[in-house]
Structures are given as structure tokens and as C-alpha cells.
Amino acid sequence: MKMQKIIISGPPGSGKTTIINKLKDLGHKCFSEVTPPKLDLSKSQNKLKLSKYIFKHRILQYQTTNLKIAFYDRSLIDVVAYMKYWKMKYPTQWDEDINDLKYFNKVFYTPSWEEIYIQSEIRHEKFTEATKIDVFLRESYLNFNYKIIEVPMRDINERVKFIINNI
């Protein structure tokens, strides 16, 4: 079996981390979302600093496993999508890195889901902002030739079963 690095992506508050945690509980190798340093994101230079930090750490996550299957809470493509959402340029090298570091060709995508969305200290976006980010994420994955497999809005066990059955 070929090594498969499987992305779980989607907008803020759509259940990605819950899925990753459940997959961990089931014994799968999972990489959590990169936890960045606290920065004031109202400043453009901090958004770029944050994005560079996350991009670098996602590359490290990508390179640290040689298991047959590993799951990732977001990917390099998410960083680019956020830069586009913020209407900011990003280093051109990033496109090359994304094309060189291939994940499994399907991305399991958790769509915006208002019923489970919770705004918090960590997740500062309002639900309306999360739905806008959703558009940029989908567009970015398609631009890098990934097939988006939408994870159904069901209970956690059904969502995980859906992902496992579609690998």
C-alpha cells in the first residue's frame, strides 16, 4: 500500500479537530493543527509572520512520518487559502512546495455547519466569516488539483466511518 497522507480540512468550527481526536482514539497517526504564537492579526505583518510559521511547521509535520496512513488537521494549502482570504501575497516558493509535497489526492472536507459552530478565544471568526473562508479553502484545494470529498454533517462516529470507508 502506498503511503497516504490524508488531509481533513474545512472552515473554522466545522468539526475537523473533533474528527482528528476521534481518529487518534481509534489508534491512527494524526497531526494536530499547528498552534501558532499569539499575534495581533489586525496587522498585516503579523498575518504574514503567522502564515510563515504555520507553513514551516506543516512542512515539518509532512516530513515526520513514513507510516502507511497519517491524518492531518489542515495542510499547506490552508495557509495559502487564508492568505488569499486576507488579500495578501505569499511567497511564490509556497506553490512549488505544495506541488512537491503531495498528500492523498482526496481532501476530506468538513463544510460550514452553524449548529456546531462555537466562537471562542481561539476561534475569533464569526460564523459569517467562517463561511467566507470556506469559499477560499475550496477554491485553493481545487486549484492544486485535489478532489474535495465532503464529509456529511452527522455525528462524529458516522463522520469518521465515512472518511475511513472513502480512503
N, C-alpha and C. Protein backbone atom coordinates (compact mmCIF):
# COMPACT_ATOMS: atom_id res chain seq x y z
N MET A 1 0.84 -1.18 0.00
CA MET A 1 0.00 0.00 0.00
C MET A 1 0.89 1.25 0.00
N LYS A 2 0.55 2.16 -0.86
CA LYS A 2 1.28 3.42 -0.96
C LYS A 2 1.01 4.27 0.29
N MET A 3 2.02 5.04 0.72
CA MET A 3 1.84 5.92 1.87
C MET A 3 0.78 6.97 1.54
N GLN A 4 -0.16 7.16 2.45
CA GLN A 4 -1.24 8.12 2.23
C GLN A 4 -1.26 9.14 3.35
N LYS A 5 -1.04 10.38 2.98
CA LYS A 5 -1.10 11.50 3.92
C LYS A 5 -2.44 12.18 3.67
N ILE A 6 -3.36 12.00 4.59
CA ILE A 6 -4.75 12.36 4.36
C ILE A 6 -5.10 13.65 5.09
N ILE A 7 -5.64 14.59 4.33
CA ILE A 7 -6.00 15.91 4.86
C ILE A 7 -7.45 15.92 5.30
N ILE A 8 -7.67 16.48 6.49
CA ILE A 8 -9.01 16.84 6.94
C ILE A 8 -9.00 18.37 6.95
N SER A 9 -9.82 18.99 6.12
CA SER A 9 -9.82 20.45 6.05
C SER A 9 -11.25 20.96 6.08
N GLY A 10 -11.37 22.27 6.15
CA GLY A 10 -12.66 22.93 6.18
C GLY A 10 -12.53 24.22 6.95
N PRO A 11 -13.58 25.00 6.95
CA PRO A 11 -13.53 26.30 7.63
C PRO A 11 -13.50 26.14 9.15
N PRO A 12 -13.24 27.23 9.85
CA PRO A 12 -13.22 27.18 11.32
C PRO A 12 -14.55 26.64 11.87
N GLY A 13 -14.44 25.84 12.91
CA GLY A 13 -15.61 25.38 13.64
C GLY A 13 -16.47 24.36 12.94
N SER A 14 -15.89 23.62 11.99
CA SER A 14 -16.69 22.66 11.23
C SER A 14 -16.47 21.21 11.66
N GLY A 15 -15.71 21.01 12.75
CA GLY A 15 -15.56 19.67 13.32
C GLY A 15 -14.27 18.93 12.98
N LYS A 16 -13.31 19.61 12.36
CA LYS A 16 -12.05 18.95 11.97
C LYS A 16 -11.31 18.36 13.17
N THR A 17 -11.11 19.15 14.19
CA THR A 17 -10.33 18.70 15.35
C THR A 17 -11.04 17.56 16.07
N THR A 18 -12.35 17.60 16.14
CA THR A 18 -13.11 16.51 16.76
C THR A 18 -12.88 15.21 15.98
N ILE A 19 -12.86 15.30 14.66
CA ILE A 19 -12.60 14.12 13.83
C ILE A 19 -11.18 13.62 14.06
N ILE A 20 -10.21 14.52 14.06
CA ILE A 20 -8.81 14.13 14.30
C ILE A 20 -8.67 13.44 15.66
N ASN A 21 -9.30 14.01 16.68
CA ASN A 21 -9.22 13.41 18.03
C ASN A 21 -9.84 12.01 18.06
N LYS A 22 -10.94 11.83 17.36
CA LYS A 22 -11.59 10.51 17.30
C LYS A 22 -10.69 9.51 16.55
N LEU A 23 -10.08 9.96 15.46
CA LEU A 23 -9.15 9.09 14.73
C LEU A 23 -7.97 8.69 15.61
N LYS A 24 -7.46 9.63 16.42
CA LYS A 24 -6.38 9.32 17.37
C LYS A 24 -6.85 8.26 18.37
N ASP A 25 -8.07 8.45 18.89
CA ASP A 25 -8.62 7.49 19.85
C ASP A 25 -8.71 6.08 19.25
N LEU A 26 -8.91 6.02 17.94
CA LEU A 26 -9.01 4.72 17.25
C LEU A 26 -7.64 4.16 16.88
N GLY A 27 -6.57 4.87 17.26
CA GLY A 27 -5.22 4.37 17.04
C GLY A 27 -4.52 4.84 15.78
N HIS A 28 -5.11 5.78 15.06
CA HIS A 28 -4.49 6.29 13.84
C HIS A 28 -3.47 7.38 14.17
N LYS A 29 -2.44 7.47 13.33
CA LYS A 29 -1.45 8.54 13.46
C LYS A 29 -2.08 9.82 12.91
N CYS A 30 -2.13 10.85 13.75
CA CYS A 30 -2.74 12.12 13.35
C CYS A 30 -1.84 13.28 13.74
N PHE A 31 -1.84 14.28 12.90
CA PHE A 31 -1.12 15.51 13.18
C PHE A 31 -2.14 16.60 13.45
N SER A 32 -2.05 17.19 14.63
CA SER A 32 -2.99 18.24 15.03
C SER A 32 -2.70 19.52 14.27
N GLU A 33 -3.67 20.42 14.33
CA GLU A 33 -3.49 21.74 13.74
C GLU A 33 -2.30 22.41 14.41
N VAL A 34 -1.51 23.13 13.63
CA VAL A 34 -0.34 23.83 14.17
C VAL A 34 -0.82 24.95 15.09
N THR A 35 -0.28 24.97 16.31
CA THR A 35 -0.64 26.02 17.27
C THR A 35 0.37 27.15 17.15
N PRO A 36 -0.07 28.28 16.62
CA PRO A 36 0.85 29.40 16.41
C PRO A 36 1.03 30.24 17.67
N PRO A 37 2.06 31.10 17.65
CA PRO A 37 2.21 32.05 18.75
C PRO A 37 1.06 33.06 18.69
N LYS A 38 0.76 33.67 19.81
CA LYS A 38 -0.30 34.69 19.85
C LYS A 38 0.19 35.95 19.16
N LEU A 39 -0.56 36.39 18.15
CA LEU A 39 -0.21 37.60 17.41
C LEU A 39 -1.46 38.43 17.18
N ASP A 40 -1.30 39.73 17.09
CA ASP A 40 -2.39 40.63 16.77
C ASP A 40 -2.63 40.56 15.26
N LEU A 41 -3.70 39.89 14.86
CA LEU A 41 -3.94 39.67 13.43
C LEU A 41 -4.58 40.86 12.73
N SER A 42 -4.73 41.96 13.43
CA SER A 42 -5.21 43.17 12.76
C SER A 42 -4.08 43.82 11.97
N LYS A 43 -2.86 43.37 12.19
CA LYS A 43 -1.70 43.92 11.48
C LYS A 43 -1.25 42.94 10.40
N SER A 44 -1.10 43.45 9.18
CA SER A 44 -0.73 42.60 8.04
C SER A 44 0.58 41.85 8.26
N GLN A 45 1.58 42.52 8.83
CA GLN A 45 2.87 41.85 9.02
C GLN A 45 2.74 40.66 9.96
N ASN A 46 1.81 40.72 10.90
CA ASN A 46 1.60 39.58 11.80
C ASN A 46 0.90 38.42 11.08
N LYS A 47 0.01 38.74 10.15
CA LYS A 47 -0.64 37.69 9.37
C LYS A 47 0.40 36.94 8.54
N LEU A 48 1.33 37.67 7.96
CA LEU A 48 2.39 37.03 7.18
C LEU A 48 3.31 36.22 8.09
N LYS A 49 3.66 36.77 9.24
CA LYS A 49 4.52 36.06 10.20
C LYS A 49 3.83 34.76 10.65
N LEU A 50 2.55 34.86 10.97
CA LEU A 50 1.77 33.70 11.38
C LEU A 50 1.75 32.65 10.27
N SER A 51 1.48 33.09 9.06
CA SER A 51 1.39 32.17 7.93
C SER A 51 2.71 31.47 7.67
N LYS A 52 3.81 32.20 7.75
CA LYS A 52 5.13 31.59 7.55
C LYS A 52 5.42 30.56 8.64
N TYR A 53 5.06 30.88 9.87
CA TYR A 53 5.26 29.95 11.00
C TYR A 53 4.48 28.66 10.75
N ILE A 54 3.20 28.80 10.41
CA ILE A 54 2.35 27.63 10.21
C ILE A 54 2.84 26.82 9.01
N PHE A 55 3.18 27.50 7.91
CA PHE A 55 3.64 26.80 6.71
C PHE A 55 4.88 25.96 7.02
N LYS A 56 5.83 26.56 7.71
CA LYS A 56 7.07 25.86 8.07
C LYS A 56 6.77 24.62 8.92
N HIS A 57 5.88 24.78 9.91
CA HIS A 57 5.57 23.65 10.79
C HIS A 57 4.74 22.57 10.09
N ARG A 58 3.93 22.97 9.13
CA ARG A 58 3.19 21.96 8.36
C ARG A 58 4.15 21.14 7.49
N ILE A 59 5.18 21.78 6.95
CA ILE A 59 6.19 21.03 6.18
C ILE A 59 6.87 20.01 7.10
N LEU A 60 7.21 20.43 8.31
CA LEU A 60 7.83 19.50 9.27
C LEU A 60 6.90 18.34 9.58
N GLN A 61 5.60 18.63 9.78
CA GLN A 61 4.64 17.56 10.03
C GLN A 61 4.62 16.58 8.85
N TYR A 62 4.60 17.13 7.66
CA TYR A 62 4.56 16.30 6.44
C TYR A 62 5.75 15.36 6.39
N GLN A 63 6.91 15.88 6.75
CA GLN A 63 8.16 15.13 6.61
C GLN A 63 8.42 14.14 7.74
N THR A 64 7.65 14.20 8.83
CA THR A 64 8.00 13.40 10.00
C THR A 64 7.36 12.01 10.07
N THR A 65 6.67 11.58 9.04
CA THR A 65 6.11 10.24 9.12
C THR A 65 6.35 9.47 7.83
N ASN A 66 6.51 8.18 8.00
CA ASN A 66 6.60 7.28 6.85
C ASN A 66 5.62 6.12 7.04
N LEU A 67 4.60 6.35 7.85
CA LEU A 67 3.57 5.34 8.06
C LEU A 67 2.71 5.22 6.81
N LYS A 68 2.01 4.11 6.71
CA LYS A 68 1.15 3.90 5.53
C LYS A 68 0.02 4.91 5.48
N ILE A 69 -0.54 5.27 6.64
CA ILE A 69 -1.63 6.24 6.67
C ILE A 69 -1.38 7.22 7.82
N ALA A 70 -1.53 8.50 7.52
CA ALA A 70 -1.47 9.54 8.55
C ALA A 70 -2.50 10.60 8.18
N PHE A 71 -3.14 11.14 9.20
CA PHE A 71 -4.16 12.17 9.01
C PHE A 71 -3.62 13.52 9.48
N TYR A 72 -4.00 14.56 8.75
CA TYR A 72 -3.53 15.92 9.04
C TYR A 72 -4.72 16.85 9.24
N ASP A 73 -4.71 17.57 10.36
CA ASP A 73 -5.70 18.61 10.62
C ASP A 73 -5.22 19.86 9.86
N ARG A 74 -5.69 20.00 8.64
CA ARG A 74 -5.31 21.06 7.69
C ARG A 74 -4.00 20.72 7.00
N SER A 75 -3.66 21.53 5.99
CA SER A 75 -2.43 21.28 5.22
C SER A 75 -1.80 22.60 4.79
N LEU A 76 -0.76 22.48 4.00
CA LEU A 76 -0.08 23.66 3.44
C LEU A 76 -1.06 24.52 2.64
N ILE A 77 -1.99 23.89 1.97
CA ILE A 77 -2.94 24.60 1.12
C ILE A 77 -3.83 25.53 1.95
N ASP A 78 -4.14 25.15 3.17
CA ASP A 78 -4.96 26.01 4.03
C ASP A 78 -4.27 27.35 4.28
N VAL A 79 -2.95 27.31 4.42
CA VAL A 79 -2.20 28.55 4.68
C VAL A 79 -2.36 29.50 3.49
N VAL A 80 -2.23 28.96 2.29
CA VAL A 80 -2.39 29.77 1.08
C VAL A 80 -3.82 30.32 0.99
N ALA A 81 -4.80 29.49 1.32
CA ALA A 81 -6.20 29.92 1.27
C ALA A 81 -6.44 31.09 2.22
N TYR A 82 -5.88 31.03 3.42
CA TYR A 82 -6.04 32.13 4.37
C TYR A 82 -5.37 33.40 3.86
N MET A 83 -4.21 33.27 3.24
CA MET A 83 -3.53 34.45 2.68
C MET A 83 -4.42 35.09 1.61
N LYS A 84 -5.05 34.27 0.79
CA LYS A 84 -5.96 34.79 -0.24
C LYS A 84 -7.19 35.44 0.42
N TYR A 85 -7.70 34.83 1.45
CA TYR A 85 -8.84 35.40 2.19
C TYR A 85 -8.48 36.78 2.74
N TRP A 86 -7.25 36.91 3.24
CA TRP A 86 -6.78 38.19 3.79
C TRP A 86 -6.33 39.16 2.70
N LYS A 87 -6.42 38.72 1.42
CA LYS A 87 -6.00 39.53 0.28
C LYS A 87 -4.52 39.92 0.37
N MET A 88 -3.70 38.93 0.73
CA MET A 88 -2.27 39.15 0.89
C MET A 88 -1.48 38.24 -0.05
N LYS A 89 -0.34 38.72 -0.47
CA LYS A 89 0.57 37.91 -1.28
C LYS A 89 1.34 36.97 -0.36
N TYR A 90 1.73 35.85 -0.91
CA TYR A 90 2.54 34.89 -0.16
C TYR A 90 3.74 34.52 -1.02
N PRO A 91 4.79 33.98 -0.43
CA PRO A 91 5.99 33.62 -1.20
C PRO A 91 5.67 32.65 -2.34
N THR A 92 6.16 32.93 -3.53
CA THR A 92 5.88 32.07 -4.69
C THR A 92 6.42 30.66 -4.50
N GLN A 93 7.44 30.52 -3.67
CA GLN A 93 8.01 29.20 -3.37
C GLN A 93 6.96 28.27 -2.76
N TRP A 94 5.97 28.84 -2.08
CA TRP A 94 4.96 28.02 -1.44
C TRP A 94 4.20 27.17 -2.45
N ASP A 95 3.88 27.73 -3.62
CA ASP A 95 3.19 26.94 -4.64
C ASP A 95 4.05 25.74 -5.05
N GLU A 96 5.34 25.97 -5.21
CA GLU A 96 6.26 24.88 -5.56
C GLU A 96 6.31 23.83 -4.45
N ASP A 97 6.38 24.29 -3.20
CA ASP A 97 6.40 23.36 -2.07
C ASP A 97 5.14 22.50 -2.05
N ILE A 98 4.00 23.14 -2.28
CA ILE A 98 2.72 22.42 -2.27
C ILE A 98 2.70 21.38 -3.39
N ASN A 99 3.19 21.74 -4.55
CA ASN A 99 3.21 20.80 -5.67
C ASN A 99 4.22 19.67 -5.46
N ASP A 100 5.29 19.93 -4.72
CA ASP A 100 6.30 18.90 -4.45
C ASP A 100 5.89 17.95 -3.33
N LEU A 101 5.21 18.46 -2.32
CA LEU A 101 4.83 17.65 -1.15
C LEU A 101 3.38 17.21 -1.31
N LYS A 102 3.20 16.11 -1.99
CA LYS A 102 1.85 15.65 -2.31
C LYS A 102 1.22 14.86 -1.17
N TYR A 103 -0.01 15.22 -0.87
CA TYR A 103 -0.84 14.47 0.06
C TYR A 103 -1.69 13.50 -0.78
N PHE A 104 -2.50 12.69 -0.09
CA PHE A 104 -3.50 11.85 -0.74
C PHE A 104 -4.36 12.77 -1.61
N ASN A 105 -4.74 12.32 -2.82
CA ASN A 105 -5.39 13.22 -3.78
C ASN A 105 -6.81 13.64 -3.42
N LYS A 106 -7.37 13.06 -2.39
CA LYS A 106 -8.69 13.48 -1.92
C LYS A 106 -8.49 14.23 -0.61
N VAL A 107 -9.21 15.33 -0.46
CA VAL A 107 -9.20 16.04 0.82
C VAL A 107 -10.59 15.84 1.43
N PHE A 108 -10.62 15.37 2.67
CA PHE A 108 -11.90 15.20 3.36
C PHE A 108 -12.27 16.54 3.96
N TYR A 109 -13.37 17.08 3.46
CA TYR A 109 -13.71 18.48 3.72
C TYR A 109 -14.95 18.57 4.60
N THR A 110 -14.78 19.24 5.74
CA THR A 110 -15.91 19.45 6.65
C THR A 110 -16.51 20.82 6.34
N PRO A 111 -17.73 20.85 5.82
CA PRO A 111 -18.33 22.12 5.41
C PRO A 111 -18.77 22.97 6.60
N SER A 112 -19.03 24.25 6.33
CA SER A 112 -19.57 25.13 7.37
C SER A 112 -20.83 24.49 7.94
N TRP A 113 -20.93 24.52 9.28
CA TRP A 113 -22.05 23.86 9.95
C TRP A 113 -22.41 24.70 11.17
N GLU A 114 -23.41 25.54 10.98
CA GLU A 114 -23.75 26.53 12.01
C GLU A 114 -24.17 25.90 13.33
N GLU A 115 -24.83 24.74 13.28
CA GLU A 115 -25.32 24.10 14.50
C GLU A 115 -24.20 23.71 15.46
N ILE A 116 -23.00 23.43 14.95
CA ILE A 116 -21.90 23.04 15.84
C ILE A 116 -20.87 24.16 16.02
N TYR A 117 -21.07 25.26 15.32
CA TYR A 117 -20.09 26.35 15.36
C TYR A 117 -20.09 27.05 16.72
N ILE A 118 -18.91 27.21 17.29
CA ILE A 118 -18.76 27.93 18.56
C ILE A 118 -17.63 28.93 18.40
N GLN A 119 -17.95 30.20 18.60
CA GLN A 119 -16.91 31.23 18.58
C GLN A 119 -16.25 31.22 19.96
N SER A 120 -14.91 31.33 19.98
CA SER A 120 -14.19 31.25 21.25
C SER A 120 -13.00 32.18 21.24
N GLU A 121 -12.22 32.09 22.30
CA GLU A 121 -11.00 32.89 22.40
C GLU A 121 -10.00 32.48 21.31
N ILE A 122 -9.98 31.22 20.98
CA ILE A 122 -9.08 30.71 19.94
C ILE A 122 -9.67 30.94 18.55
N ARG A 123 -10.97 30.73 18.42
CA ARG A 123 -11.66 30.88 17.14
C ARG A 123 -12.41 32.20 17.17
N HIS A 124 -11.76 33.26 16.70
CA HIS A 124 -12.37 34.59 16.82
C HIS A 124 -13.32 34.92 15.67
N GLU A 125 -13.30 34.14 14.58
CA GLU A 125 -14.16 34.44 13.45
C GLU A 125 -15.62 34.22 13.81
N LYS A 126 -16.46 35.11 13.31
CA LYS A 126 -17.90 34.89 13.41
C LYS A 126 -18.25 33.84 12.36
N PHE A 127 -19.43 33.23 12.50
CA PHE A 127 -19.82 32.19 11.55
C PHE A 127 -19.85 32.72 10.12
N THR A 128 -20.28 33.97 9.94
CA THR A 128 -20.32 34.54 8.58
C THR A 128 -18.91 34.61 7.98
N GLU A 129 -17.91 34.90 8.80
CA GLU A 129 -16.52 34.92 8.31
C GLU A 129 -16.07 33.50 7.96
N ALA A 130 -16.46 32.54 8.78
CA ALA A 130 -16.08 31.15 8.52
C ALA A 130 -16.63 30.69 7.17
N THR A 131 -17.84 31.12 6.81
CA THR A 131 -18.41 30.73 5.52
C THR A 131 -17.65 31.37 4.36
N LYS A 132 -17.10 32.56 4.58
CA LYS A 132 -16.28 33.20 3.54
C LYS A 132 -14.95 32.46 3.39
N ILE A 133 -14.36 32.06 4.50
CA ILE A 133 -13.11 31.29 4.47
C ILE A 133 -13.35 29.97 3.74
N ASP A 134 -14.52 29.38 3.94
CA ASP A 134 -14.92 28.14 3.28
C ASP A 134 -14.70 28.24 1.77
N VAL A 135 -15.12 29.35 1.18
CA VAL A 135 -15.01 29.55 -0.27
C VAL A 135 -13.54 29.55 -0.70
N PHE A 136 -12.69 30.24 0.04
CA PHE A 136 -11.26 30.31 -0.30
C PHE A 136 -10.58 28.95 -0.14
N LEU A 137 -10.96 28.20 0.88
CA LEU A 137 -10.38 26.88 1.08
C LEU A 137 -10.74 25.94 -0.08
N ARG A 138 -12.02 25.89 -0.42
CA ARG A 138 -12.46 25.02 -1.52
C ARG A 138 -11.74 25.38 -2.83
N GLU A 139 -11.72 26.67 -3.12
CA GLU A 139 -11.08 27.15 -4.34
C GLU A 139 -9.59 26.77 -4.37
N SER A 140 -8.92 26.93 -3.25
CA SER A 140 -7.49 26.62 -3.19
C SER A 140 -7.22 25.14 -3.40
N TYR A 141 -8.01 24.28 -2.77
CA TYR A 141 -7.80 22.84 -2.98
C TYR A 141 -8.05 22.45 -4.43
N LEU A 142 -9.08 22.99 -5.03
CA LEU A 142 -9.34 22.69 -6.44
C LEU A 142 -8.22 23.21 -7.33
N ASN A 143 -7.69 24.39 -7.03
CA ASN A 143 -6.59 24.96 -7.82
C ASN A 143 -5.34 24.09 -7.77
N PHE A 144 -5.14 23.36 -6.68
CA PHE A 144 -3.98 22.46 -6.57
C PHE A 144 -4.34 21.02 -6.95
N ASN A 145 -5.48 20.87 -7.62
CA ASN A 145 -5.91 19.58 -8.20
C ASN A 145 -6.23 18.49 -7.18
N TYR A 146 -6.80 18.88 -6.07
CA TYR A 146 -7.28 17.90 -5.10
C TYR A 146 -8.78 17.70 -5.30
N LYS A 147 -9.21 16.48 -5.08
CA LYS A 147 -10.64 16.18 -5.15
C LYS A 147 -11.22 16.40 -3.76
N ILE A 148 -12.25 17.22 -3.68
CA ILE A 148 -12.89 17.50 -2.39
C ILE A 148 -13.98 16.46 -2.14
N ILE A 149 -13.84 15.75 -1.04
CA ILE A 149 -14.86 14.80 -0.59
C ILE A 149 -15.51 15.42 0.64
N GLU A 150 -16.76 15.82 0.49
CA GLU A 150 -17.44 16.49 1.59
C GLU A 150 -17.89 15.48 2.64
N VAL A 151 -17.46 15.73 3.86
CA VAL A 151 -17.81 14.86 4.99
C VAL A 151 -19.23 15.24 5.41
N PRO A 152 -20.13 14.25 5.49
CA PRO A 152 -21.52 14.57 5.85
C PRO A 152 -21.64 15.17 7.26
N MET A 153 -22.64 16.01 7.43
CA MET A 153 -22.91 16.64 8.73
C MET A 153 -23.72 15.67 9.58
N ARG A 154 -22.99 14.76 10.21
CA ARG A 154 -23.60 13.73 11.05
C ARG A 154 -22.82 13.63 12.34
N ASP A 155 -23.18 12.66 13.18
CA ASP A 155 -22.44 12.53 14.45
C ASP A 155 -21.01 12.08 14.16
N ILE A 156 -20.16 12.25 15.14
CA ILE A 156 -18.72 12.04 14.97
C ILE A 156 -18.39 10.62 14.49
N ASN A 157 -19.05 9.62 15.02
CA ASN A 157 -18.76 8.24 14.62
C ASN A 157 -19.07 8.02 13.13
N GLU A 158 -20.18 8.58 12.67
CA GLU A 158 -20.54 8.44 11.26
C GLU A 158 -19.57 9.20 10.36
N ARG A 159 -19.12 10.36 10.82
CA ARG A 159 -18.16 11.15 10.03
C ARG A 159 -16.84 10.39 9.88
N VAL A 160 -16.36 9.83 10.97
CA VAL A 160 -15.09 9.08 10.92
C VAL A 160 -15.24 7.83 10.06
N LYS A 161 -16.34 7.12 10.21
CA LYS A 161 -16.59 5.92 9.40
C LYS A 161 -16.62 6.29 7.91
N PHE A 162 -17.25 7.42 7.59
CA PHE A 162 -17.31 7.88 6.20
C PHE A 162 -15.90 8.10 5.64
N ILE A 163 -15.05 8.74 6.43
CA ILE A 163 -13.68 9.01 5.98
C ILE A 163 -12.92 7.70 5.76
N ILE A 164 -12.96 6.82 6.75
CA ILE A 164 -12.24 5.54 6.66
C ILE A 164 -12.72 4.75 5.44
N ASN A 165 -14.03 4.74 5.21
CA ASN A 165 -14.59 3.98 4.08
C ASN A 165 -14.25 4.58 2.72
N ASN A 166 -13.83 5.83 2.69
CA ASN A 166 -13.57 6.51 1.42
C ASN A 166 -12.08 6.73 1.12
N ILE A 167 -11.23 6.06 1.88
CA ILE A 167 -9.79 6.17 1.61
C ILE A 167 -9.43 5.23 0.47
